[in-house]
Amino acid sequence: MGQPESRERGTAEQSGLPPGQRLQRGWPVTHYGPVPKFKPDRWEFRVFGATADGDKHCWNHQEFSALPFSSVEADLHCVTKFSMLGAEWGGILARKIVELAPPAPQVTHVMVWAEYGFSSNLRLADFTSDRTLFATHKDGELLTAEHGFPLRLVVPHLYAWKGPKWVRGIEYMTADRRGFWEERGYHNIGDPWSEQRYSYQEEPGDGPEL
């Protein structure tokens, strides 16, 4: 990756823990399924679905690594109730991908796709937040395979399951659709400050229309 072109600091939410969370020293490994083996010659990042030009956009690993590098200082809040505060994440801002591969005007949501068909849905506004980042580094070091190398999404203002490990692409959507954990009972939005952990807590409008 290149040298950082920007560093964006977290907001006042970093001064405390969301309700129900405990401070975590270190970074536990949590994921579902096996750790995929990275094959750089076969790796590709795709943007597809309702793109503005109707085309699919792709970057190989070398091309993606050459995109502008940014750093964001942000917390990570796991739905299992631990919070890791003040980490420095380095990588490609999500809004840079949106700039390079714009969505169609009617797009409202994004599905983030990862290895083994894992997925997580996000509102477009959450995805384009100025602190949402496709992370390759944490605290100046490359991510380990267990923590998502070569690429994981970090969405600081949502629970960590909304930021999958081993990301391979995004799908622009004109209507909401639940991702992997959302289909299995997790909240469709996942705001830790409102303790939006489970689907039974959803209010009208929080989830896809039936």
N, C-alpha and C. Protein backbone atom coordinates (compact mmCIF):
# COMPACT_ATOMS: atom_id res chain seq x y z
N MET A 1 0.83 -1.20 0.00
CA MET A 1 0.00 0.00 0.00
C MET A 1 0.87 1.25 0.00
N GLY A 2 0.32 2.35 -0.50
CA GLY A 2 1.07 3.59 -0.50
C GLY A 2 1.07 4.25 0.85
N GLN A 3 1.61 5.44 0.91
CA GLN A 3 1.66 6.19 2.15
C GLN A 3 0.30 6.81 2.42
N PRO A 4 -0.07 6.97 3.69
CA PRO A 4 -1.38 7.56 4.00
C PRO A 4 -1.52 8.95 3.41
N GLU A 5 -2.68 9.20 2.78
CA GLU A 5 -2.95 10.54 2.27
C GLU A 5 -3.80 11.34 3.23
N SER A 6 -4.41 10.66 4.21
CA SER A 6 -5.22 11.38 5.19
C SER A 6 -5.33 10.56 6.45
N ARG A 7 -5.66 11.25 7.56
CA ARG A 7 -5.89 10.58 8.83
C ARG A 7 -7.10 11.24 9.45
N GLU A 8 -8.12 10.45 9.72
CA GLU A 8 -9.37 11.00 10.23
C GLU A 8 -9.59 10.50 11.65
N ARG A 9 -9.79 11.40 12.55
CA ARG A 9 -9.96 11.07 13.96
C ARG A 9 -11.40 10.72 14.28
N GLY A 10 -11.57 9.88 15.26
CA GLY A 10 -12.90 9.51 15.71
C GLY A 10 -13.58 10.68 16.39
N THR A 11 -14.85 10.53 16.64
CA THR A 11 -15.63 11.58 17.26
C THR A 11 -15.80 11.32 18.73
N ALA A 12 -16.69 12.05 19.37
CA ALA A 12 -16.85 11.96 20.82
C ALA A 12 -17.33 10.60 21.28
N GLU A 13 -17.86 9.79 20.35
CA GLU A 13 -18.34 8.47 20.77
C GLU A 13 -17.22 7.60 21.31
N GLN A 14 -15.96 7.93 20.99
CA GLN A 14 -14.84 7.14 21.47
C GLN A 14 -14.54 7.38 22.95
N SER A 15 -15.20 8.35 23.56
CA SER A 15 -14.92 8.67 24.95
C SER A 15 -15.53 7.67 25.93
N GLY A 16 -16.38 6.78 25.45
CA GLY A 16 -17.00 5.82 26.34
C GLY A 16 -17.44 4.59 25.59
N LEU A 17 -18.00 3.65 26.35
CA LEU A 17 -18.46 2.40 25.77
C LEU A 17 -19.95 2.45 25.50
N PRO A 18 -20.40 1.81 24.42
CA PRO A 18 -21.84 1.69 24.22
C PRO A 18 -22.45 0.86 25.35
N PRO A 19 -23.74 0.98 25.58
CA PRO A 19 -24.38 0.22 26.66
C PRO A 19 -24.21 -1.28 26.45
N GLY A 20 -23.93 -1.98 27.56
CA GLY A 20 -23.79 -3.42 27.53
C GLY A 20 -22.44 -3.92 27.09
N GLN A 21 -21.51 -3.03 26.75
CA GLN A 21 -20.19 -3.43 26.28
C GLN A 21 -19.15 -3.38 27.40
N ARG A 22 -18.10 -4.17 27.27
CA ARG A 22 -16.98 -4.16 28.22
C ARG A 22 -15.68 -3.87 27.45
N LEU A 23 -14.76 -3.21 28.11
CA LEU A 23 -13.49 -2.86 27.49
C LEU A 23 -12.64 -4.12 27.29
N GLN A 24 -12.10 -4.27 26.09
CA GLN A 24 -11.28 -5.43 25.75
C GLN A 24 -9.84 -5.00 25.56
N ARG A 25 -8.91 -5.65 26.26
CA ARG A 25 -7.49 -5.48 26.01
C ARG A 25 -7.06 -6.55 25.02
N GLY A 26 -6.41 -6.16 23.95
CA GLY A 26 -6.10 -7.13 22.90
C GLY A 26 -7.26 -7.27 21.94
N TRP A 27 -7.11 -8.19 21.01
CA TRP A 27 -8.08 -8.35 19.93
C TRP A 27 -8.42 -9.81 19.76
N PRO A 28 -9.52 -10.28 20.35
CA PRO A 28 -9.91 -11.68 20.20
C PRO A 28 -10.21 -12.03 18.74
N VAL A 29 -10.00 -13.27 18.39
CA VAL A 29 -10.35 -13.76 17.06
C VAL A 29 -11.76 -14.34 17.11
N THR A 30 -12.65 -13.78 16.34
CA THR A 30 -14.04 -14.28 16.26
C THR A 30 -14.44 -14.34 14.80
N HIS A 31 -14.87 -15.50 14.35
CA HIS A 31 -15.41 -15.62 13.00
C HIS A 31 -16.15 -16.93 12.87
N TYR A 32 -16.90 -17.04 11.79
CA TYR A 32 -17.68 -18.24 11.50
C TYR A 32 -17.01 -18.96 10.34
N GLY A 33 -16.69 -20.23 10.51
CA GLY A 33 -16.10 -21.01 9.44
C GLY A 33 -14.58 -20.92 9.41
N PRO A 34 -13.95 -21.55 8.40
CA PRO A 34 -12.48 -21.61 8.32
C PRO A 34 -11.88 -20.30 7.84
N VAL A 35 -10.58 -20.16 8.06
CA VAL A 35 -9.83 -19.02 7.54
C VAL A 35 -9.42 -19.32 6.10
N PRO A 36 -9.83 -18.49 5.14
CA PRO A 36 -9.48 -18.78 3.75
C PRO A 36 -8.00 -18.56 3.47
N LYS A 37 -7.47 -19.29 2.52
CA LYS A 37 -6.09 -19.11 2.09
C LYS A 37 -6.04 -18.04 1.01
N PHE A 38 -5.19 -17.05 1.22
CA PHE A 38 -5.08 -15.94 0.27
C PHE A 38 -4.24 -16.36 -0.93
N LYS A 39 -4.81 -16.17 -2.12
CA LYS A 39 -4.12 -16.46 -3.37
C LYS A 39 -4.09 -15.19 -4.20
N PRO A 40 -3.00 -14.40 -4.10
CA PRO A 40 -2.97 -13.07 -4.72
C PRO A 40 -3.21 -13.08 -6.22
N ASP A 41 -2.80 -14.14 -6.91
CA ASP A 41 -2.98 -14.17 -8.36
C ASP A 41 -4.43 -14.41 -8.76
N ARG A 42 -5.25 -14.86 -7.82
CA ARG A 42 -6.66 -15.12 -8.11
C ARG A 42 -7.59 -14.13 -7.41
N TRP A 43 -7.04 -13.28 -6.57
CA TRP A 43 -7.87 -12.37 -5.79
C TRP A 43 -8.39 -11.25 -6.68
N GLU A 44 -9.66 -10.90 -6.48
CA GLU A 44 -10.29 -9.82 -7.25
C GLU A 44 -11.34 -9.15 -6.38
N PHE A 45 -11.39 -7.83 -6.44
CA PHE A 45 -12.43 -7.05 -5.76
C PHE A 45 -13.41 -6.57 -6.82
N ARG A 46 -14.70 -6.87 -6.61
CA ARG A 46 -15.72 -6.55 -7.60
C ARG A 46 -16.75 -5.57 -7.05
N VAL A 47 -17.20 -4.67 -7.88
CA VAL A 47 -18.37 -3.83 -7.61
C VAL A 47 -19.38 -4.12 -8.70
N PHE A 48 -20.56 -4.57 -8.31
CA PHE A 48 -21.54 -4.98 -9.30
C PHE A 48 -22.94 -4.64 -8.80
N GLY A 49 -23.96 -5.10 -9.50
CA GLY A 49 -25.33 -4.73 -9.15
C GLY A 49 -25.74 -3.48 -9.89
N ALA A 50 -26.44 -2.58 -9.18
CA ALA A 50 -27.00 -1.38 -9.81
C ALA A 50 -25.96 -0.26 -9.86
N THR A 51 -24.92 -0.46 -10.68
CA THR A 51 -23.91 0.58 -10.87
C THR A 51 -24.46 1.66 -11.80
N ALA A 52 -23.88 2.85 -11.73
CA ALA A 52 -24.38 3.98 -12.52
C ALA A 52 -24.27 3.70 -14.02
N ASP A 53 -23.21 3.00 -14.45
CA ASP A 53 -23.02 2.74 -15.87
C ASP A 53 -23.51 1.35 -16.29
N GLY A 54 -24.02 0.57 -15.34
CA GLY A 54 -24.53 -0.75 -15.66
C GLY A 54 -23.46 -1.82 -15.81
N ASP A 55 -22.20 -1.45 -15.62
CA ASP A 55 -21.09 -2.39 -15.77
C ASP A 55 -20.58 -2.89 -14.42
N LYS A 56 -19.87 -4.01 -14.45
CA LYS A 56 -19.16 -4.50 -13.28
C LYS A 56 -17.76 -3.87 -13.28
N HIS A 57 -17.29 -3.50 -12.10
CA HIS A 57 -15.96 -2.90 -11.96
C HIS A 57 -15.09 -3.83 -11.12
N CYS A 58 -13.87 -4.08 -11.57
CA CYS A 58 -13.01 -5.05 -10.91
C CYS A 58 -11.60 -4.50 -10.73
N TRP A 59 -10.97 -4.88 -9.62
CA TRP A 59 -9.56 -4.59 -9.37
C TRP A 59 -8.88 -5.89 -8.95
N ASN A 60 -7.72 -6.19 -9.52
CA ASN A 60 -6.94 -7.29 -8.97
C ASN A 60 -6.21 -6.80 -7.73
N HIS A 61 -5.48 -7.68 -7.07
CA HIS A 61 -4.86 -7.29 -5.80
C HIS A 61 -3.86 -6.16 -5.97
N GLN A 62 -3.07 -6.20 -7.02
CA GLN A 62 -2.09 -5.15 -7.26
C GLN A 62 -2.77 -3.81 -7.52
N GLU A 63 -3.82 -3.82 -8.29
CA GLU A 63 -4.54 -2.59 -8.59
C GLU A 63 -5.25 -2.04 -7.36
N PHE A 64 -5.86 -2.91 -6.58
CA PHE A 64 -6.54 -2.44 -5.37
C PHE A 64 -5.54 -1.88 -4.37
N SER A 65 -4.38 -2.51 -4.26
CA SER A 65 -3.35 -2.05 -3.33
C SER A 65 -2.78 -0.70 -3.71
N ALA A 66 -2.93 -0.31 -4.98
CA ALA A 66 -2.41 0.97 -5.45
C ALA A 66 -3.38 2.13 -5.22
N LEU A 67 -4.61 1.83 -4.75
CA LEU A 67 -5.57 2.91 -4.48
C LEU A 67 -5.12 3.74 -3.29
N PRO A 68 -5.57 5.00 -3.20
CA PRO A 68 -5.11 5.90 -2.12
C PRO A 68 -5.37 5.30 -0.74
N PHE A 69 -4.34 5.35 0.09
CA PHE A 69 -4.36 4.77 1.43
C PHE A 69 -4.72 5.85 2.45
N SER A 70 -5.66 5.54 3.33
CA SER A 70 -6.07 6.47 4.39
C SER A 70 -6.05 5.76 5.73
N SER A 71 -6.02 6.53 6.81
CA SER A 71 -6.08 5.98 8.15
C SER A 71 -7.25 6.58 8.91
N VAL A 72 -7.90 5.75 9.70
CA VAL A 72 -9.02 6.17 10.53
C VAL A 72 -8.80 5.62 11.93
N GLU A 73 -8.88 6.47 12.93
CA GLU A 73 -8.81 6.00 14.31
C GLU A 73 -10.24 5.75 14.79
N ALA A 74 -10.52 4.53 15.20
CA ALA A 74 -11.90 4.18 15.52
C ALA A 74 -11.96 2.97 16.43
N ASP A 75 -13.08 2.83 17.11
CA ASP A 75 -13.34 1.69 17.99
C ASP A 75 -13.94 0.54 17.19
N LEU A 76 -13.92 -0.63 17.80
CA LEU A 76 -14.58 -1.81 17.24
C LEU A 76 -15.45 -2.41 18.33
N HIS A 77 -16.74 -2.52 18.06
CA HIS A 77 -17.70 -3.02 19.04
C HIS A 77 -18.29 -4.35 18.55
N CYS A 78 -17.98 -5.42 19.25
CA CYS A 78 -18.47 -6.73 18.87
C CYS A 78 -19.80 -7.00 19.57
N VAL A 79 -20.73 -7.65 18.86
CA VAL A 79 -22.03 -7.96 19.44
C VAL A 79 -21.91 -8.93 20.61
N THR A 80 -20.77 -9.63 20.72
CA THR A 80 -20.54 -10.51 21.87
C THR A 80 -20.18 -9.73 23.13
N LYS A 81 -20.21 -8.40 23.02
CA LYS A 81 -20.15 -7.46 24.15
C LYS A 81 -18.75 -7.01 24.54
N PHE A 82 -17.75 -7.21 23.69
CA PHE A 82 -16.46 -6.58 23.96
C PHE A 82 -16.27 -5.41 22.99
N SER A 83 -15.55 -4.39 23.47
CA SER A 83 -15.22 -3.23 22.66
C SER A 83 -13.72 -2.98 22.72
N MET A 84 -13.12 -2.77 21.58
CA MET A 84 -11.70 -2.42 21.48
C MET A 84 -11.63 -0.96 21.07
N LEU A 85 -11.02 -0.13 21.90
CA LEU A 85 -11.07 1.31 21.69
C LEU A 85 -9.79 1.85 21.06
N GLY A 86 -9.96 2.85 20.20
CA GLY A 86 -8.85 3.66 19.71
C GLY A 86 -7.86 2.98 18.80
N ALA A 87 -8.31 1.99 18.03
CA ALA A 87 -7.41 1.34 17.07
C ALA A 87 -7.21 2.26 15.86
N GLU A 88 -6.06 2.13 15.23
CA GLU A 88 -5.80 2.86 13.99
C GLU A 88 -5.92 1.88 12.83
N TRP A 89 -6.88 2.12 11.97
CA TRP A 89 -7.13 1.26 10.83
C TRP A 89 -6.62 1.93 9.57
N GLY A 90 -5.93 1.18 8.73
CA GLY A 90 -5.41 1.72 7.48
C GLY A 90 -5.95 0.94 6.30
N GLY A 91 -6.26 1.65 5.22
CA GLY A 91 -6.76 0.97 4.03
C GLY A 91 -7.40 1.95 3.07
N ILE A 92 -8.44 1.49 2.39
CA ILE A 92 -9.11 2.27 1.35
C ILE A 92 -10.49 2.70 1.85
N LEU A 93 -10.75 3.99 1.88
CA LEU A 93 -12.05 4.47 2.29
C LEU A 93 -13.14 3.94 1.36
N ALA A 94 -14.25 3.54 1.95
CA ALA A 94 -15.37 3.03 1.15
C ALA A 94 -15.86 4.09 0.16
N ARG A 95 -15.84 5.34 0.58
CA ARG A 95 -16.33 6.38 -0.31
C ARG A 95 -15.43 6.55 -1.55
N LYS A 96 -14.16 6.12 -1.45
CA LYS A 96 -13.28 6.14 -2.61
C LYS A 96 -13.75 5.12 -3.65
N ILE A 97 -14.19 3.94 -3.17
CA ILE A 97 -14.72 2.94 -4.09
C ILE A 97 -16.00 3.46 -4.75
N VAL A 98 -16.84 4.12 -3.96
CA VAL A 98 -18.07 4.69 -4.51
C VAL A 98 -17.75 5.77 -5.54
N GLU A 99 -16.70 6.52 -5.30
CA GLU A 99 -16.28 7.55 -6.26
C GLU A 99 -15.80 6.92 -7.57
N LEU A 100 -15.05 5.83 -7.47
CA LEU A 100 -14.49 5.18 -8.66
C LEU A 100 -15.53 4.35 -9.41
N ALA A 101 -16.47 3.80 -8.67
CA ALA A 101 -17.52 2.97 -9.27
C ALA A 101 -18.86 3.42 -8.70
N PRO A 102 -19.43 4.51 -9.20
CA PRO A 102 -20.63 5.09 -8.60
C PRO A 102 -21.85 4.18 -8.71
N PRO A 103 -22.74 4.28 -7.71
CA PRO A 103 -24.01 3.56 -7.79
C PRO A 103 -25.01 4.32 -8.64
N ALA A 104 -26.02 3.61 -9.11
CA ALA A 104 -27.14 4.26 -9.79
C ALA A 104 -27.90 5.13 -8.80
N PRO A 105 -28.61 6.15 -9.27
CA PRO A 105 -29.30 7.07 -8.36
C PRO A 105 -30.30 6.40 -7.43
N GLN A 106 -30.89 5.29 -7.84
CA GLN A 106 -31.91 4.64 -7.03
C GLN A 106 -31.36 3.67 -6.00
N VAL A 107 -30.06 3.55 -5.89
CA VAL A 107 -29.45 2.62 -4.92
C VAL A 107 -29.66 3.14 -3.50
N THR A 108 -30.09 2.25 -2.62
CA THR A 108 -30.34 2.60 -1.21
C THR A 108 -29.48 1.78 -0.24
N HIS A 109 -29.01 0.63 -0.68
CA HIS A 109 -28.28 -0.29 0.19
C HIS A 109 -27.12 -0.95 -0.56
N VAL A 110 -26.22 -1.51 0.22
CA VAL A 110 -25.08 -2.24 -0.31
C VAL A 110 -25.03 -3.60 0.37
N MET A 111 -24.73 -4.65 -0.39
CA MET A 111 -24.40 -5.94 0.20
C MET A 111 -22.89 -6.12 0.06
N VAL A 112 -22.24 -6.35 1.19
CA VAL A 112 -20.80 -6.60 1.20
C VAL A 112 -20.60 -8.10 1.14
N TRP A 113 -19.87 -8.57 0.13
CA TRP A 113 -19.64 -10.00 -0.07
C TRP A 113 -18.22 -10.38 0.32
N ALA A 114 -18.08 -11.52 0.97
CA ALA A 114 -16.78 -11.99 1.43
C ALA A 114 -16.60 -13.44 1.02
N GLU A 115 -15.47 -14.02 1.40
CA GLU A 115 -15.18 -15.41 1.05
C GLU A 115 -16.28 -16.35 1.56
N TYR A 116 -16.41 -17.48 0.86
CA TYR A 116 -17.37 -18.53 1.20
C TYR A 116 -18.83 -18.06 1.11
N GLY A 117 -19.08 -16.98 0.36
CA GLY A 117 -20.43 -16.50 0.19
C GLY A 117 -20.99 -15.73 1.38
N PHE A 118 -20.14 -15.37 2.35
CA PHE A 118 -20.60 -14.59 3.49
C PHE A 118 -21.01 -13.20 3.03
N SER A 119 -22.03 -12.63 3.67
CA SER A 119 -22.53 -11.32 3.25
C SER A 119 -23.03 -10.51 4.43
N SER A 120 -23.04 -9.20 4.27
CA SER A 120 -23.62 -8.29 5.27
C SER A 120 -24.19 -7.08 4.56
N ASN A 121 -25.45 -6.74 4.88
CA ASN A 121 -26.10 -5.62 4.22
C ASN A 121 -25.92 -4.34 5.03
N LEU A 122 -25.80 -3.23 4.31
CA LEU A 122 -25.64 -1.91 4.92
C LEU A 122 -26.49 -0.90 4.16
N ARG A 123 -27.01 0.07 4.90
CA ARG A 123 -27.60 1.22 4.23
C ARG A 123 -26.50 1.97 3.50
N LEU A 124 -26.82 2.55 2.35
CA LEU A 124 -25.81 3.27 1.58
C LEU A 124 -25.17 4.38 2.41
N ALA A 125 -25.97 5.05 3.24
CA ALA A 125 -25.43 6.13 4.07
C ALA A 125 -24.39 5.61 5.07
N ASP A 126 -24.59 4.41 5.60
CA ASP A 126 -23.60 3.83 6.50
C ASP A 126 -22.34 3.45 5.75
N PHE A 127 -22.51 2.90 4.56
CA PHE A 127 -21.36 2.49 3.76
C PHE A 127 -20.52 3.69 3.32
N THR A 128 -21.16 4.81 3.01
CA THR A 128 -20.44 5.98 2.52
C THR A 128 -20.03 6.94 3.63
N SER A 129 -20.21 6.55 4.88
CA SER A 129 -19.71 7.36 5.99
C SER A 129 -18.23 7.64 5.80
N ASP A 130 -17.78 8.81 6.23
CA ASP A 130 -16.37 9.17 6.00
C ASP A 130 -15.40 8.37 6.86
N ARG A 131 -15.92 7.45 7.71
CA ARG A 131 -15.03 6.63 8.52
C ARG A 131 -15.16 5.13 8.20
N THR A 132 -15.97 4.78 7.21
CA THR A 132 -16.07 3.39 6.79
C THR A 132 -14.88 3.08 5.88
N LEU A 133 -14.19 1.99 6.19
CA LEU A 133 -12.89 1.72 5.57
C LEU A 133 -12.73 0.25 5.22
N PHE A 134 -12.19 -0.02 4.04
CA PHE A 134 -11.72 -1.36 3.72
C PHE A 134 -10.30 -1.48 4.26
N ALA A 135 -10.18 -2.14 5.39
CA ALA A 135 -8.92 -2.14 6.13
C ALA A 135 -7.98 -3.24 5.65
N THR A 136 -6.72 -2.85 5.52
CA THR A 136 -5.63 -3.79 5.25
C THR A 136 -4.65 -3.83 6.41
N HIS A 137 -4.69 -2.80 7.25
CA HIS A 137 -3.75 -2.66 8.36
C HIS A 137 -4.48 -2.30 9.65
N LYS A 138 -3.88 -2.67 10.77
CA LYS A 138 -4.31 -2.19 12.08
C LYS A 138 -3.07 -1.79 12.86
N ASP A 139 -3.10 -0.57 13.39
CA ASP A 139 -1.98 -0.02 14.17
C ASP A 139 -0.66 -0.16 13.41
N GLY A 140 -0.70 0.11 12.12
CA GLY A 140 0.50 0.13 11.31
C GLY A 140 0.99 -1.22 10.81
N GLU A 141 0.31 -2.28 11.18
CA GLU A 141 0.73 -3.63 10.77
C GLU A 141 -0.33 -4.25 9.86
N LEU A 142 0.12 -5.06 8.92
CA LEU A 142 -0.83 -5.79 8.09
C LEU A 142 -1.74 -6.65 8.95
N LEU A 143 -2.99 -6.74 8.57
CA LEU A 143 -3.90 -7.65 9.26
C LEU A 143 -3.38 -9.07 9.16
N THR A 144 -3.62 -9.86 10.18
CA THR A 144 -3.34 -11.28 10.10
C THR A 144 -4.48 -11.96 9.35
N ALA A 145 -4.22 -13.18 8.90
CA ALA A 145 -5.27 -13.93 8.20
C ALA A 145 -6.48 -14.12 9.10
N GLU A 146 -6.25 -14.40 10.38
CA GLU A 146 -7.35 -14.63 11.32
C GLU A 146 -8.20 -13.39 11.52
N HIS A 147 -7.60 -12.22 11.34
CA HIS A 147 -8.34 -10.97 11.51
C HIS A 147 -8.81 -10.36 10.19
N GLY A 148 -8.70 -11.12 9.09
CA GLY A 148 -9.32 -10.67 7.86
C GLY A 148 -8.42 -10.38 6.68
N PHE A 149 -7.10 -10.57 6.81
CA PHE A 149 -6.21 -10.33 5.67
C PHE A 149 -6.67 -11.13 4.45
N PRO A 150 -6.69 -10.52 3.27
CA PRO A 150 -6.09 -9.23 2.93
C PRO A 150 -7.00 -8.01 3.08
N LEU A 151 -8.30 -8.22 3.38
CA LEU A 151 -9.20 -7.07 3.40
C LEU A 151 -10.40 -7.35 4.28
N ARG A 152 -10.67 -6.42 5.19
CA ARG A 152 -11.90 -6.48 5.98
C ARG A 152 -12.53 -5.10 5.99
N LEU A 153 -13.83 -5.07 6.13
CA LEU A 153 -14.53 -3.79 6.22
C LEU A 153 -14.65 -3.38 7.67
N VAL A 154 -14.39 -2.11 7.95
CA VAL A 154 -14.56 -1.55 9.28
C VAL A 154 -15.61 -0.44 9.20
N VAL A 155 -16.71 -0.62 9.93
CA VAL A 155 -17.79 0.37 9.99
C VAL A 155 -17.89 0.79 11.45
N PRO A 156 -17.14 1.79 11.89
CA PRO A 156 -16.97 2.06 13.33
C PRO A 156 -18.24 2.32 14.09
N HIS A 157 -19.27 2.88 13.45
CA HIS A 157 -20.48 3.25 14.18
C HIS A 157 -21.50 2.12 14.26
N LEU A 158 -21.17 0.94 13.73
CA LEU A 158 -22.05 -0.22 13.81
C LEU A 158 -21.33 -1.39 14.46
N TYR A 159 -22.09 -2.40 14.90
CA TYR A 159 -21.47 -3.60 15.44
C TYR A 159 -20.56 -4.23 14.40
N ALA A 160 -19.54 -4.95 14.89
CA ALA A 160 -18.47 -5.42 14.01
C ALA A 160 -18.93 -6.47 13.00
N TRP A 161 -20.05 -7.17 13.24
CA TRP A 161 -20.46 -8.15 12.24
C TRP A 161 -20.85 -7.47 10.93
N LYS A 162 -21.14 -6.16 10.99
CA LYS A 162 -21.46 -5.42 9.78
C LYS A 162 -20.21 -5.15 8.93
N GLY A 163 -19.04 -5.46 9.46
CA GLY A 163 -17.79 -5.31 8.72
C GLY A 163 -17.13 -6.66 8.52
N PRO A 164 -17.49 -7.38 7.47
CA PRO A 164 -16.97 -8.74 7.28
C PRO A 164 -15.46 -8.79 7.06
N LYS A 165 -14.88 -9.92 7.42
CA LYS A 165 -13.50 -10.23 7.07
C LYS A 165 -13.46 -10.80 5.65
N TRP A 166 -12.26 -10.77 5.04
CA TRP A 166 -12.00 -11.43 3.76
C TRP A 166 -12.96 -10.97 2.66
N VAL A 167 -13.13 -9.64 2.60
CA VAL A 167 -14.09 -9.06 1.65
C VAL A 167 -13.60 -9.24 0.22
N ARG A 168 -14.55 -9.52 -0.68
CA ARG A 168 -14.23 -9.69 -2.09
C ARG A 168 -15.00 -8.74 -3.01
N GLY A 169 -15.98 -8.02 -2.46
CA GLY A 169 -16.69 -7.10 -3.33
C GLY A 169 -17.95 -6.56 -2.70
N ILE A 170 -18.61 -5.67 -3.43
CA ILE A 170 -19.87 -5.08 -2.98
C ILE A 170 -20.89 -5.11 -4.10
N GLU A 171 -22.12 -5.24 -3.70
CA GLU A 171 -23.26 -5.24 -4.62
C GLU A 171 -24.15 -4.04 -4.29
N TYR A 172 -24.38 -3.17 -5.27
CA TYR A 172 -25.31 -2.07 -5.09
C TYR A 172 -26.73 -2.59 -5.24
N MET A 173 -27.60 -2.19 -4.32
CA MET A 173 -28.98 -2.69 -4.32
C MET A 173 -29.97 -1.54 -4.28
N THR A 174 -31.09 -1.70 -4.97
CA THR A 174 -32.14 -0.69 -4.98
C THR A 174 -33.21 -0.97 -3.93
N ALA A 175 -33.06 -2.06 -3.19
CA ALA A 175 -33.93 -2.39 -2.06
C ALA A 175 -33.11 -3.19 -1.07
N ASP A 176 -33.48 -3.14 0.20
CA ASP A 176 -32.74 -3.82 1.24
C ASP A 176 -32.93 -5.33 1.15
N ARG A 177 -31.91 -6.06 1.56
CA ARG A 177 -31.95 -7.51 1.62
C ARG A 177 -31.03 -7.95 2.75
N ARG A 178 -31.47 -8.88 3.58
CA ARG A 178 -30.68 -9.29 4.74
C ARG A 178 -29.46 -10.11 4.32
N GLY A 179 -28.35 -9.89 5.07
CA GLY A 179 -27.15 -10.65 4.86
C GLY A 179 -27.12 -11.92 5.71
N PHE A 180 -25.94 -12.52 5.83
CA PHE A 180 -25.79 -13.82 6.49
C PHE A 180 -26.29 -13.81 7.92
N TRP A 181 -25.74 -12.93 8.77
CA TRP A 181 -26.16 -12.92 10.18
C TRP A 181 -27.54 -12.30 10.35
N GLU A 182 -27.89 -11.38 9.48
CA GLU A 182 -29.22 -10.76 9.57
C GLU A 182 -30.31 -11.79 9.29
N GLU A 183 -30.04 -12.74 8.41
CA GLU A 183 -31.01 -13.81 8.15
C GLU A 183 -31.10 -14.79 9.32
N ARG A 184 -30.11 -14.74 10.21
CA ARG A 184 -30.05 -15.68 11.33
C ARG A 184 -30.38 -15.02 12.67
N GLY A 185 -31.09 -13.89 12.59
CA GLY A 185 -31.64 -13.31 13.81
C GLY A 185 -30.95 -12.08 14.35
N TYR A 186 -29.93 -11.57 13.64
CA TYR A 186 -29.29 -10.35 14.11
C TYR A 186 -29.98 -9.12 13.53
N HIS A 187 -29.85 -8.01 14.23
CA HIS A 187 -30.54 -6.78 13.85
C HIS A 187 -30.12 -6.32 12.47
N ASN A 188 -31.04 -5.80 11.71
CA ASN A 188 -30.76 -5.40 10.34
C ASN A 188 -29.85 -4.18 10.25
N ILE A 189 -29.85 -3.32 11.27
CA ILE A 189 -29.02 -2.12 11.24
C ILE A 189 -27.76 -2.29 12.09
N GLY A 190 -27.91 -2.64 13.38
CA GLY A 190 -26.76 -2.96 14.20
C GLY A 190 -26.05 -1.76 14.83
N ASP A 191 -26.81 -0.82 15.35
CA ASP A 191 -26.22 0.35 16.03
C ASP A 191 -25.90 -0.01 17.48
N PRO A 192 -24.62 -0.03 17.89
CA PRO A 192 -24.28 -0.42 19.26
C PRO A 192 -24.76 0.57 20.31
N TRP A 193 -24.90 1.82 19.95
CA TRP A 193 -25.32 2.83 20.92
C TRP A 193 -26.80 2.71 21.23
N SER A 194 -27.54 2.04 20.36
CA SER A 194 -28.95 1.74 20.63
C SER A 194 -29.15 0.27 20.98
N GLU A 195 -28.05 -0.47 21.14
CA GLU A 195 -28.07 -1.91 21.44
C GLU A 195 -28.96 -2.69 20.47
N GLN A 196 -28.79 -2.41 19.20
CA GLN A 196 -29.56 -3.11 18.17
C GLN A 196 -28.86 -4.43 17.83
N ARG A 197 -29.06 -5.41 18.72
CA ARG A 197 -28.36 -6.68 18.59
C ARG A 197 -29.15 -7.71 17.78
N TYR A 198 -30.46 -7.81 18.00
CA TYR A 198 -31.24 -8.92 17.47
C TYR A 198 -32.46 -8.42 16.69
N SER A 199 -32.93 -9.27 15.77
CA SER A 199 -34.01 -8.85 14.88
C SER A 199 -35.32 -8.59 15.62
N TYR A 200 -35.53 -9.25 16.75
CA TYR A 200 -36.79 -9.01 17.47
C TYR A 200 -36.86 -7.60 18.03
N GLN A 201 -35.73 -6.89 18.08
CA GLN A 201 -35.71 -5.51 18.55
C GLN A 201 -36.05 -4.51 17.44
N GLU A 202 -36.19 -4.95 16.22
CA GLU A 202 -36.37 -4.04 15.11
C GLU A 202 -37.71 -3.30 15.18
N GLU A 203 -37.63 -2.04 14.84
CA GLU A 203 -38.82 -1.20 14.73
C GLU A 203 -39.26 -1.17 13.26
N PRO A 204 -40.50 -0.77 13.00
CA PRO A 204 -40.94 -0.62 11.60
C PRO A 204 -39.97 0.27 10.81
N GLY A 205 -39.56 -0.23 9.66
CA GLY A 205 -38.61 0.51 8.83
C GLY A 205 -37.16 0.10 9.02
N ASP A 206 -36.87 -0.67 10.08
CA ASP A 206 -35.49 -1.09 10.31
C ASP A 206 -35.03 -2.19 9.35
N GLY A 207 -35.99 -3.01 8.90
CA GLY A 207 -35.66 -4.15 8.05
C GLY A 207 -36.28 -4.06 6.68
N PRO A 208 -35.93 -5.00 5.80
CA PRO A 208 -36.50 -5.01 4.45
C PRO A 208 -38.02 -5.15 4.48
N GLU A 209 -38.66 -4.58 3.48
CA GLU A 209 -40.10 -4.74 3.37
C GLU A 209 -40.42 -6.18 3.01
N LEU A 210 -41.46 -6.73 3.62
CA LEU A 210 -41.84 -8.11 3.35
C LEU A 210 -42.67 -8.22 2.08
